[in-house]
Amino acid sequence: MELDLVKKEFRNEQDYIIESTKRDSLYYSKHAIERMCQRGIEVEDVEGSASLGDPIEKQYHGKDIKFLFQQPKSQDPKYYSVVALAIPPLVISVCHFKEDVWEMVDGIMRRKEEDE
């Protein structure tokens, strides 16, 4: 299945990632596995973040599209997973939120606006 077919079969890109995760079709990069081990984050936790909620950010830096999913069902989320839009979706990293970069807005972590 090519990414163009994904766009036809699913309502949007994030739905493809969410549904793929629910079907156990999520792959992990070596970097992501290393970070998960370092930070004590389990596969089930990452899959929960990618299957239960809306992404907190969409990134496109010219190479591939990535979605950031925060830790689900938490008043004080500690981590987010970075999932690349691919077939199958690929977790490329798992990161802790940095207080100087992120803030909670209406239950969702958002990047702080830079001071002008």
N, C-alpha and C. Protein backbone atom coordinates (compact mmCIF):
# COMPACT_ATOMS: atom_id res chain seq x y z
N MET A 1 0.84 -1.18 0.00
CA MET A 1 0.00 0.00 0.00
C MET A 1 0.89 1.25 0.00
N GLU A 2 0.66 2.13 -0.93
CA GLU A 2 1.42 3.36 -0.99
C GLU A 2 0.70 4.44 -0.20
N LEU A 3 1.43 5.51 0.15
CA LEU A 3 0.84 6.57 0.95
C LEU A 3 -0.34 7.24 0.25
N ASP A 4 -0.34 7.27 -1.07
CA ASP A 4 -1.49 7.83 -1.79
C ASP A 4 -2.76 7.02 -1.53
N LEU A 5 -2.61 5.70 -1.43
CA LEU A 5 -3.76 4.85 -1.12
C LEU A 5 -4.25 5.07 0.30
N VAL A 6 -3.32 5.36 1.20
CA VAL A 6 -3.68 5.65 2.59
C VAL A 6 -4.64 6.83 2.63
N LYS A 7 -4.33 7.84 1.85
CA LYS A 7 -5.16 9.05 1.83
C LYS A 7 -6.57 8.75 1.32
N LYS A 8 -6.72 7.77 0.46
CA LYS A 8 -8.03 7.41 -0.05
C LYS A 8 -8.81 6.54 0.93
N GLU A 9 -8.10 5.66 1.63
CA GLU A 9 -8.76 4.69 2.51
C GLU A 9 -9.13 5.28 3.87
N PHE A 10 -8.37 6.25 4.35
CA PHE A 10 -8.60 6.81 5.67
C PHE A 10 -9.00 8.28 5.55
N ARG A 11 -9.71 8.74 6.55
CA ARG A 11 -10.19 10.13 6.55
C ARG A 11 -9.04 11.12 6.48
N ASN A 12 -7.96 10.80 7.21
CA ASN A 12 -6.77 11.66 7.18
C ASN A 12 -5.56 10.84 7.64
N GLU A 13 -4.40 11.46 7.60
CA GLU A 13 -3.15 10.76 7.91
C GLU A 13 -3.10 10.26 9.35
N GLN A 14 -3.58 11.08 10.27
CA GLN A 14 -3.52 10.66 11.67
C GLN A 14 -4.44 9.47 11.93
N ASP A 15 -5.58 9.39 11.24
CA ASP A 15 -6.45 8.22 11.39
C ASP A 15 -5.75 6.95 10.93
N TYR A 16 -4.95 7.06 9.87
CA TYR A 16 -4.18 5.91 9.39
C TYR A 16 -3.23 5.42 10.48
N ILE A 17 -2.52 6.34 11.13
CA ILE A 17 -1.59 5.96 12.20
C ILE A 17 -2.35 5.34 13.37
N ILE A 18 -3.45 5.97 13.77
CA ILE A 18 -4.23 5.47 14.91
C ILE A 18 -4.77 4.07 14.61
N GLU A 19 -5.35 3.88 13.44
CA GLU A 19 -5.91 2.57 13.08
C GLU A 19 -4.81 1.52 12.91
N SER A 20 -3.68 1.89 12.36
CA SER A 20 -2.56 0.95 12.22
C SER A 20 -2.07 0.50 13.58
N THR A 21 -2.04 1.42 14.53
CA THR A 21 -1.60 1.09 15.88
C THR A 21 -2.57 0.11 16.53
N LYS A 22 -3.85 0.34 16.33
CA LYS A 22 -4.86 -0.56 16.89
C LYS A 22 -4.74 -1.97 16.29
N ARG A 23 -4.22 -2.06 15.07
CA ARG A 23 -4.04 -3.36 14.39
C ARG A 23 -2.66 -3.95 14.64
N ASP A 24 -1.92 -3.41 15.59
CA ASP A 24 -0.56 -3.86 15.90
C ASP A 24 0.36 -3.74 14.69
N SER A 25 0.20 -2.69 13.93
CA SER A 25 1.04 -2.47 12.75
C SER A 25 1.91 -1.24 12.92
N LEU A 26 2.58 -1.15 14.04
CA LEU A 26 3.45 -0.02 14.34
C LEU A 26 4.87 -0.55 14.45
N TYR A 27 5.80 0.07 13.74
CA TYR A 27 7.20 -0.34 13.79
C TYR A 27 7.99 0.67 14.61
N TYR A 28 9.16 0.24 15.11
CA TYR A 28 10.00 1.07 15.97
C TYR A 28 11.41 1.15 15.41
N SER A 29 11.94 2.36 15.36
CA SER A 29 13.33 2.51 14.94
C SER A 29 14.24 2.10 16.10
N LYS A 30 15.48 1.81 15.78
CA LYS A 30 16.46 1.48 16.81
C LYS A 30 16.59 2.63 17.80
N HIS A 31 16.59 3.86 17.29
CA HIS A 31 16.69 5.05 18.14
C HIS A 31 15.51 5.11 19.13
N ALA A 32 14.30 4.85 18.64
CA ALA A 32 13.12 4.89 19.51
C ALA A 32 13.22 3.84 20.61
N ILE A 33 13.65 2.65 20.26
CA ILE A 33 13.79 1.58 21.26
C ILE A 33 14.83 1.95 22.30
N GLU A 34 15.94 2.52 21.86
CA GLU A 34 16.98 2.96 22.80
C GLU A 34 16.43 4.01 23.76
N ARG A 35 15.69 4.99 23.24
CA ARG A 35 15.13 6.06 24.09
C ARG A 35 14.09 5.50 25.05
N MET A 36 13.28 4.57 24.58
CA MET A 36 12.28 3.96 25.45
C MET A 36 12.96 3.24 26.61
N CYS A 37 14.02 2.51 26.32
CA CYS A 37 14.76 1.80 27.37
C CYS A 37 15.37 2.78 28.36
N GLN A 38 15.98 3.83 27.85
CA GLN A 38 16.61 4.84 28.72
C GLN A 38 15.59 5.51 29.63
N ARG A 39 14.38 5.71 29.12
CA ARG A 39 13.38 6.49 29.85
C ARG A 39 12.34 5.63 30.55
N GLY A 40 12.48 4.33 30.46
CA GLY A 40 11.55 3.43 31.14
C GLY A 40 10.14 3.48 30.59
N ILE A 41 10.01 3.67 29.28
CA ILE A 41 8.71 3.75 28.63
C ILE A 41 8.47 2.45 27.87
N GLU A 42 7.34 1.83 28.13
CA GLU A 42 7.02 0.53 27.55
C GLU A 42 6.36 0.66 26.17
N VAL A 43 6.45 -0.40 25.39
CA VAL A 43 5.80 -0.44 24.07
C VAL A 43 4.31 -0.16 24.22
N GLU A 44 3.68 -0.75 25.22
CA GLU A 44 2.25 -0.56 25.44
C GLU A 44 1.92 0.91 25.68
N ASP A 45 2.82 1.63 26.35
CA ASP A 45 2.60 3.05 26.60
C ASP A 45 2.62 3.84 25.30
N VAL A 46 3.59 3.55 24.45
CA VAL A 46 3.70 4.24 23.16
C VAL A 46 2.49 3.91 22.29
N GLU A 47 2.12 2.65 22.25
CA GLU A 47 0.96 2.26 21.45
C GLU A 47 -0.30 2.93 21.97
N GLY A 48 -0.40 3.07 23.28
CA GLY A 48 -1.55 3.77 23.86
C GLY A 48 -1.59 5.23 23.44
N SER A 49 -0.44 5.87 23.41
CA SER A 49 -0.42 7.28 23.01
C SER A 49 -0.78 7.45 21.55
N ALA A 50 -0.39 6.51 20.70
CA ALA A 50 -0.65 6.63 19.26
C ALA A 50 -2.03 6.11 18.87
N SER A 51 -2.70 5.37 19.75
CA SER A 51 -4.00 4.82 19.36
C SER A 51 -5.17 5.50 20.06
N LEU A 52 -4.91 6.25 21.12
CA LEU A 52 -6.01 6.80 21.91
C LEU A 52 -6.30 8.27 21.69
N GLY A 53 -5.38 8.98 21.11
CA GLY A 53 -5.64 10.40 21.11
C GLY A 53 -5.26 11.13 19.86
N ASP A 54 -5.58 12.39 19.90
CA ASP A 54 -5.22 13.28 18.81
C ASP A 54 -3.75 13.64 18.93
N PRO A 55 -3.11 13.81 17.80
CA PRO A 55 -1.72 14.24 17.86
C PRO A 55 -1.64 15.67 18.39
N ILE A 56 -0.57 15.96 19.10
CA ILE A 56 -0.40 17.31 19.64
C ILE A 56 0.33 18.21 18.66
N GLU A 57 0.94 17.61 17.66
CA GLU A 57 1.66 18.41 16.67
C GLU A 57 1.88 17.58 15.42
N LYS A 58 1.86 18.26 14.28
CA LYS A 58 2.21 17.64 13.00
C LYS A 58 3.43 18.38 12.48
N GLN A 59 4.44 17.63 12.06
CA GLN A 59 5.68 18.25 11.57
C GLN A 59 5.95 17.79 10.14
N TYR A 60 6.44 18.73 9.36
CA TYR A 60 6.91 18.39 8.02
C TYR A 60 8.11 19.29 7.75
N HIS A 61 9.27 18.67 7.67
CA HIS A 61 10.50 19.42 7.44
C HIS A 61 11.11 19.05 6.09
N GLY A 62 10.26 18.75 5.12
CA GLY A 62 10.73 18.49 3.78
C GLY A 62 11.03 17.04 3.44
N LYS A 63 11.16 16.19 4.45
CA LYS A 63 11.50 14.79 4.17
C LYS A 63 10.31 13.87 4.37
N ASP A 64 9.73 13.91 5.55
CA ASP A 64 8.58 13.07 5.84
C ASP A 64 7.67 13.78 6.84
N ILE A 65 6.45 13.29 6.93
CA ILE A 65 5.47 13.85 7.86
C ILE A 65 5.55 13.07 9.15
N LYS A 66 5.57 13.80 10.26
CA LYS A 66 5.62 13.17 11.58
C LYS A 66 4.51 13.74 12.45
N PHE A 67 3.97 12.89 13.31
CA PHE A 67 2.98 13.30 14.28
C PHE A 67 3.54 13.05 15.67
N LEU A 68 3.26 13.97 16.59
CA LEU A 68 3.66 13.82 17.98
C LEU A 68 2.41 13.48 18.79
N PHE A 69 2.47 12.38 19.53
CA PHE A 69 1.36 11.93 20.36
C PHE A 69 1.78 11.97 21.83
N GLN A 70 0.98 12.63 22.67
CA GLN A 70 1.34 12.71 24.09
C GLN A 70 0.87 11.48 24.84
N GLN A 71 1.47 11.27 26.00
CA GLN A 71 1.08 10.18 26.90
C GLN A 71 -0.42 10.29 27.16
N PRO A 72 -1.17 9.22 26.96
CA PRO A 72 -2.63 9.30 27.08
C PRO A 72 -3.11 9.30 28.53
N LYS A 73 -4.30 9.86 28.70
CA LYS A 73 -5.02 9.79 29.97
C LYS A 73 -4.16 10.21 31.16
N SER A 74 -3.49 11.33 31.02
CA SER A 74 -2.64 11.80 32.10
C SER A 74 -2.86 13.29 32.31
N GLN A 75 -3.03 13.67 33.59
CA GLN A 75 -3.15 15.09 33.93
C GLN A 75 -1.81 15.79 33.76
N ASP A 76 -0.74 15.02 33.88
CA ASP A 76 0.61 15.56 33.80
C ASP A 76 1.46 14.65 32.91
N PRO A 77 1.25 14.71 31.59
CA PRO A 77 1.99 13.81 30.70
C PRO A 77 3.49 14.05 30.78
N LYS A 78 4.24 12.97 30.76
CA LYS A 78 5.70 13.05 30.89
C LYS A 78 6.42 12.87 29.56
N TYR A 79 5.78 12.22 28.59
CA TYR A 79 6.47 11.92 27.35
C TYR A 79 5.54 12.06 26.15
N TYR A 80 6.16 12.10 24.99
CA TYR A 80 5.42 12.03 23.73
C TYR A 80 6.20 11.15 22.77
N SER A 81 5.47 10.53 21.85
CA SER A 81 6.11 9.71 20.83
C SER A 81 6.05 10.44 19.49
N VAL A 82 7.10 10.24 18.70
CA VAL A 82 7.20 10.85 17.38
C VAL A 82 7.01 9.72 16.37
N VAL A 83 5.93 9.80 15.59
CA VAL A 83 5.57 8.73 14.67
C VAL A 83 5.59 9.27 13.24
N ALA A 84 6.40 8.65 12.40
CA ALA A 84 6.50 9.06 11.00
C ALA A 84 5.39 8.40 10.19
N LEU A 85 4.84 9.17 9.27
CA LEU A 85 3.84 8.64 8.35
C LEU A 85 4.57 7.77 7.33
N ALA A 86 4.39 6.47 7.47
CA ALA A 86 5.05 5.49 6.61
C ALA A 86 4.17 4.25 6.57
N ILE A 87 4.54 3.31 5.74
CA ILE A 87 3.82 2.04 5.68
C ILE A 87 4.77 0.94 6.10
N PRO A 88 4.62 0.39 7.28
CA PRO A 88 3.71 0.80 8.35
C PRO A 88 4.24 2.04 9.06
N PRO A 89 3.41 2.69 9.90
CA PRO A 89 3.88 3.85 10.66
C PRO A 89 5.10 3.47 11.49
N LEU A 90 6.03 4.42 11.62
CA LEU A 90 7.31 4.16 12.28
C LEU A 90 7.51 5.12 13.45
N VAL A 91 7.65 4.57 14.66
CA VAL A 91 8.00 5.39 15.82
C VAL A 91 9.48 5.70 15.69
N ILE A 92 9.82 6.98 15.59
CA ILE A 92 11.23 7.33 15.40
C ILE A 92 11.89 7.84 16.66
N SER A 93 11.08 8.27 17.64
CA SER A 93 11.66 8.69 18.92
C SER A 93 10.57 8.76 19.98
N VAL A 94 11.00 8.75 21.22
CA VAL A 94 10.12 8.96 22.36
C VAL A 94 10.85 9.93 23.27
N CYS A 95 10.20 11.05 23.59
CA CYS A 95 10.87 12.14 24.29
C CYS A 95 10.11 12.56 25.54
N HIS A 96 10.84 13.09 26.51
CA HIS A 96 10.22 13.72 27.67
C HIS A 96 9.88 15.16 27.32
N PHE A 97 8.79 15.65 27.88
CA PHE A 97 8.46 17.06 27.72
C PHE A 97 9.44 17.90 28.53
N LYS A 98 9.94 18.96 27.94
CA LYS A 98 10.80 19.90 28.65
C LYS A 98 9.96 21.09 29.08
N GLU A 99 10.03 21.43 30.37
CA GLU A 99 9.18 22.50 30.91
C GLU A 99 9.42 23.84 30.24
N ASP A 100 10.65 24.08 29.76
CA ASP A 100 10.92 25.37 29.14
C ASP A 100 10.42 25.44 27.69
N VAL A 101 9.96 24.31 27.14
CA VAL A 101 9.48 24.27 25.75
C VAL A 101 7.97 24.04 25.67
N TRP A 102 7.43 23.24 26.58
CA TRP A 102 6.04 22.81 26.51
C TRP A 102 5.23 23.34 27.69
N GLU A 103 3.91 23.53 27.46
CA GLU A 103 2.99 23.89 28.53
C GLU A 103 1.64 23.21 28.28
N MET A 104 0.89 23.02 29.36
CA MET A 104 -0.43 22.39 29.26
C MET A 104 -1.46 23.47 28.91
N VAL A 105 -2.22 23.22 27.84
CA VAL A 105 -3.29 24.13 27.42
C VAL A 105 -4.54 23.29 27.17
N ASP A 106 -5.54 23.47 28.02
CA ASP A 106 -6.80 22.73 27.88
C ASP A 106 -6.59 21.22 27.80
N GLY A 107 -5.71 20.69 28.64
CA GLY A 107 -5.48 19.26 28.73
C GLY A 107 -4.55 18.68 27.68
N ILE A 108 -3.99 19.54 26.83
CA ILE A 108 -3.09 19.08 25.78
C ILE A 108 -1.80 19.87 25.86
N MET A 109 -0.69 19.17 25.72
CA MET A 109 0.60 19.84 25.74
C MET A 109 0.79 20.60 24.42
N ARG A 110 1.23 21.85 24.55
CA ARG A 110 1.50 22.71 23.39
C ARG A 110 2.86 23.36 23.58
N ARG A 111 3.52 23.63 22.46
CA ARG A 111 4.78 24.37 22.54
C ARG A 111 4.50 25.78 23.03
N LYS A 112 5.35 26.27 23.92
CA LYS A 112 5.21 27.64 24.38
C LYS A 112 5.52 28.58 23.23
N GLU A 113 4.81 29.67 23.20
CA GLU A 113 5.10 30.68 22.19
C GLU A 113 6.37 31.40 22.56
N GLU A 114 7.19 31.64 21.56
CA GLU A 114 8.46 32.33 21.81
C GLU A 114 8.19 33.79 22.08
N ASP A 115 8.92 34.34 23.07
CA ASP A 115 8.80 35.76 23.37
C ASP A 115 9.41 36.57 22.25
N GLU A 116 8.78 37.67 21.95
CA GLU A 116 9.30 38.50 20.86
C GLU A 116 10.26 39.52 21.38
